[in-house]
């Protein structure tokens, strides 16, 4: 019986990755998140709004974007209100984290630019 859990490294992954390998992995991840945002937010979207939502989804997951008020307000065309919703996603483990505050402010600014 295999006692590894899903978080264990596979033997072939227990090594140093080159910068180009890391870039390729990131590109594949971003393709998935871009496709997800495009599916969840099919209406009119500027490139900056799209990029902000991809950043958000990359951090919190597509499921969280799907259930979010950000998405609902964006899809209704309530862009200013959608932007403000980013600022509600600053907690992890019930605590406000400065890094998340900065990230959400940056995403909000990008969304509005």
C-alpha atoms as a PDB file:
ATOM      1  CA  UNK A   1       0.000   0.000   0.000  1.00  0.00           C
ATOM      2  CA  UNK A   2       1.334   3.450  -0.945  1.00  0.00           C
ATOM      3  CA  UNK A   3       1.592   5.523   2.246  1.00  0.00           C
ATOM      4  CA  UNK A   4       2.336   8.800   0.447  1.00  0.00           C
ATOM      5  CA  UNK A   5      -0.345  11.428   0.682  1.00  0.00           C
ATOM      6  CA  UNK A   6      -1.144  13.868  -2.108  1.00  0.00           C
ATOM      7  CA  UNK A   7       1.230  16.458  -0.619  1.00  0.00           C
ATOM      8  CA  UNK A   8       4.326  14.278  -0.781  1.00  0.00           C
ATOM      9  CA  UNK A   9       6.857  15.055  -3.473  1.00  0.00           C
ATOM     10  CA  UNK A  10       7.216  12.488  -6.193  1.00  0.00           C
ATOM     11  CA  UNK A  11      10.842  11.331  -6.455  1.00  0.00           C
ATOM     12  CA  UNK A  12      11.224  13.040  -9.853  1.00  0.00           C
ATOM     13  CA  UNK A  13      10.088  16.357  -8.327  1.00  0.00           C
ATOM     14  CA  UNK A  14      12.576  16.269  -5.459  1.00  0.00           C
ATOM     15  CA  UNK A  15      15.180  18.299  -7.327  1.00  0.00           C
ATOM     16  CA  UNK A  16      16.103  21.842  -8.301  1.00  0.00           C
ATOM     17  CA  UNK A  17      13.999  23.138 -11.181  1.00  0.00           C
ATOM     18  CA  UNK A  18      15.458  25.437 -13.813  1.00  0.00           C
ATOM     19  CA  UNK A  19      13.982  28.894 -14.338  1.00  0.00           C
ATOM     20  CA  UNK A  20      12.523  27.795 -17.679  1.00  0.00           C
ATOM     21  CA  UNK A  21      10.854  24.773 -16.056  1.00  0.00           C
ATOM     22  CA  UNK A  22       9.328  26.986 -13.358  1.00  0.00           C
ATOM     23  CA  UNK A  23       8.126  29.433 -16.028  1.00  0.00           C
ATOM     24  CA  UNK A  24       6.508  26.581 -17.969  1.00  0.00           C
ATOM     25  CA  UNK A  25       4.707  25.320 -14.841  1.00  0.00           C
ATOM     26  CA  UNK A  26       3.474  28.845 -14.070  1.00  0.00           C
ATOM     27  CA  UNK A  27       2.309  29.308 -17.684  1.00  0.00           C
ATOM     28  CA  UNK A  28       0.258  26.102 -17.470  1.00  0.00           C
ATOM     29  CA  UNK A  29      -1.299  27.180 -14.161  1.00  0.00           C
ATOM     30  CA  UNK A  30      -2.129  30.620 -15.548  1.00  0.00           C
ATOM     31  CA  UNK A  31      -3.789  29.091 -18.634  1.00  0.00           C
ATOM     32  CA  UNK A  32      -6.152  27.211 -16.339  1.00  0.00           C
ATOM     33  CA  UNK A  33      -6.972  30.312 -14.286  1.00  0.00           C
ATOM     34  CA  UNK A  34      -7.423  32.498 -17.375  1.00  0.00           C
ATOM     35  CA  UNK A  35      -9.809  29.945 -18.861  1.00  0.00           C
ATOM     36  CA  UNK A  36     -11.697  29.755 -15.573  1.00  0.00           C
ATOM     37  CA  UNK A  37     -12.090  33.523 -15.265  1.00  0.00           C
ATOM     38  CA  UNK A  38     -13.201  33.758 -18.896  1.00  0.00           C
ATOM     39  CA  UNK A  39     -15.871  31.114 -18.245  1.00  0.00           C
ATOM     40  CA  UNK A  40     -17.061  32.620 -14.944  1.00  0.00           C
ATOM     41  CA  UNK A  41     -17.067  36.236 -16.189  1.00  0.00           C
ATOM     42  CA  UNK A  42     -18.176  35.966 -19.825  1.00  0.00           C
ATOM     43  CA  UNK A  43     -19.482  39.508 -20.267  1.00  0.00           C
ATOM     44  CA  UNK A  44     -17.647  42.719 -21.080  1.00  0.00           C
ATOM     45  CA  UNK A  45     -14.336  42.801 -19.221  1.00  0.00           C
ATOM     46  CA  UNK A  46     -11.340  45.073 -19.695  1.00  0.00           C
ATOM     47  CA  UNK A  47      -7.899  43.498 -19.801  1.00  0.00           C
ATOM     48  CA  UNK A  48      -7.077  45.060 -16.404  1.00  0.00           C
ATOM     49  CA  UNK A  49     -10.295  43.731 -14.821  1.00  0.00           C
ATOM     50  CA  UNK A  50      -9.536  40.309 -16.264  1.00  0.00           C
ATOM     51  CA  UNK A  51      -5.940  40.356 -14.989  1.00  0.00           C
ATOM     52  CA  UNK A  52      -7.063  41.415 -11.497  1.00  0.00           C
ATOM     53  CA  UNK A  53      -9.584  38.568 -11.344  1.00  0.00           C
ATOM     54  CA  UNK A  54      -6.978  36.057 -12.594  1.00  0.00           C
ATOM     55  CA  UNK A  55      -4.616  37.210  -9.840  1.00  0.00           C
ATOM     56  CA  UNK A  56      -7.404  36.893  -7.281  1.00  0.00           C
ATOM     57  CA  UNK A  57      -8.453  33.436  -8.508  1.00  0.00           C
ATOM     58  CA  UNK A  58      -4.834  32.259  -8.618  1.00  0.00           C
ATOM     59  CA  UNK A  59      -4.566  33.165  -4.929  1.00  0.00           C
ATOM     60  CA  UNK A  60      -7.939  31.983  -3.585  1.00  0.00           C
ATOM     61  CA  UNK A  61      -9.051  29.458  -6.213  1.00  0.00           C
ATOM     62  CA  UNK A  62     -11.624  29.445  -8.990  1.00  0.00           C
ATOM     63  CA  UNK A  63     -14.273  28.042  -6.647  1.00  0.00           C
ATOM     64  CA  UNK A  64     -13.923  31.057  -4.388  1.00  0.00           C
ATOM     65  CA  UNK A  65     -14.164  33.406  -7.370  1.00  0.00           C
ATOM     66  CA  UNK A  66     -17.249  31.534  -8.554  1.00  0.00           C
ATOM     67  CA  UNK A  67     -19.008  32.081  -5.207  1.00  0.00           C
ATOM     68  CA  UNK A  68     -17.696  35.613  -4.688  1.00  0.00           C
ATOM     69  CA  UNK A  69     -19.586  38.870  -4.670  1.00  0.00           C
ATOM     70  CA  UNK A  70     -16.748  40.211  -6.842  1.00  0.00           C
ATOM     71  CA  UNK A  71     -17.915  37.951  -9.656  1.00  0.00           C
ATOM     72  CA  UNK A  72     -21.614  38.608  -9.107  1.00  0.00           C
ATOM     73  CA  UNK A  73     -21.177  42.381  -9.121  1.00  0.00           C
ATOM     74  CA  UNK A  74     -18.781  42.303 -12.062  1.00  0.00           C
ATOM     75  CA  UNK A  75     -21.187  40.210 -14.123  1.00  0.00           C
ATOM     76  CA  UNK A  76     -23.989  42.696 -13.339  1.00  0.00           C
ATOM     77  CA  UNK A  77     -21.796  45.565 -14.531  1.00  0.00           C
ATOM     78  CA  UNK A  78     -21.390  47.015 -11.028  1.00  0.00           C
ATOM     79  CA  UNK A  79     -17.675  47.557 -11.527  1.00  0.00           C
ATOM     80  CA  UNK A  80     -16.986  50.065  -8.752  1.00  0.00           C
ATOM     81  CA  UNK A  81     -18.783  47.861  -6.221  1.00  0.00           C
ATOM     82  CA  UNK A  82     -16.985  44.758  -7.550  1.00  0.00           C
ATOM     83  CA  UNK A  83     -13.643  46.504  -7.050  1.00  0.00           C
ATOM     84  CA  UNK A  84     -14.467  47.246  -3.428  1.00  0.00           C
ATOM     85  CA  UNK A  85     -15.220  43.561  -2.822  1.00  0.00           C
ATOM     86  CA  UNK A  86     -11.527  42.674  -3.297  1.00  0.00           C
ATOM     87  CA  UNK A  87     -10.810  44.396   0.016  1.00  0.00           C
ATOM     88  CA  UNK A  88     -12.965  41.897   1.921  1.00  0.00           C
ATOM     89  CA  UNK A  89     -10.556  39.045   1.141  1.00  0.00           C
ATOM     90  CA  UNK A  90      -7.686  39.943   3.490  1.00  0.00           C
ATOM     91  CA  UNK A  91      -7.954  37.227   6.120  1.00  0.00           C
ATOM     92  CA  UNK A  92      -6.359  33.822   6.494  1.00  0.00           C
ATOM     93  CA  UNK A  93      -6.976  31.712   9.548  1.00  0.00           C
ATOM     94  CA  UNK A  94      -9.344  34.413  10.816  1.00  0.00           C
ATOM     95  CA  UNK A  95      -6.593  37.048  10.920  1.00  0.00           C
ATOM     96  CA  UNK A  96      -5.987  40.027   8.666  1.00  0.00           C
ATOM     97  CA  UNK A  97      -2.644  39.536   6.943  1.00  0.00           C
ATOM     98  CA  UNK A  98      -0.678  42.586   5.747  1.00  0.00           C
ATOM     99  CA  UNK A  99       0.423  40.732   2.617  1.00  0.00           C
ATOM    100  CA  UNK A 100      -3.177  40.009   1.667  1.00  0.00           C
ATOM    101  CA  UNK A 101      -4.169  43.617   2.361  1.00  0.00           C
ATOM    102  CA  UNK A 102      -1.448  44.766  -0.054  1.00  0.00           C
ATOM    103  CA  UNK A 103      -2.359  42.141  -2.661  1.00  0.00           C
ATOM    104  CA  UNK A 104      -6.082  43.020  -2.557  1.00  0.00           C
ATOM    105  CA  UNK A 105      -5.357  46.751  -2.778  1.00  0.00           C
ATOM    106  CA  UNK A 106      -3.133  46.072  -5.792  1.00  0.00           C
ATOM    107  CA  UNK A 107      -5.811  43.875  -7.413  1.00  0.00           C
ATOM    108  CA  UNK A 108      -8.465  46.517  -6.753  1.00  0.00           C
ATOM    109  CA  UNK A 109      -6.277  49.245  -8.271  1.00  0.00           C
ATOM    110  CA  UNK A 110      -5.575  47.072 -11.314  1.00  0.00           C
ATOM    111  CA  UNK A 111      -9.275  46.263 -11.710  1.00  0.00           C
ATOM    112  CA  UNK A 112     -10.131  49.980 -11.698  1.00  0.00           C
ATOM    113  CA  UNK A 113      -7.282  51.084 -14.010  1.00  0.00           C
END
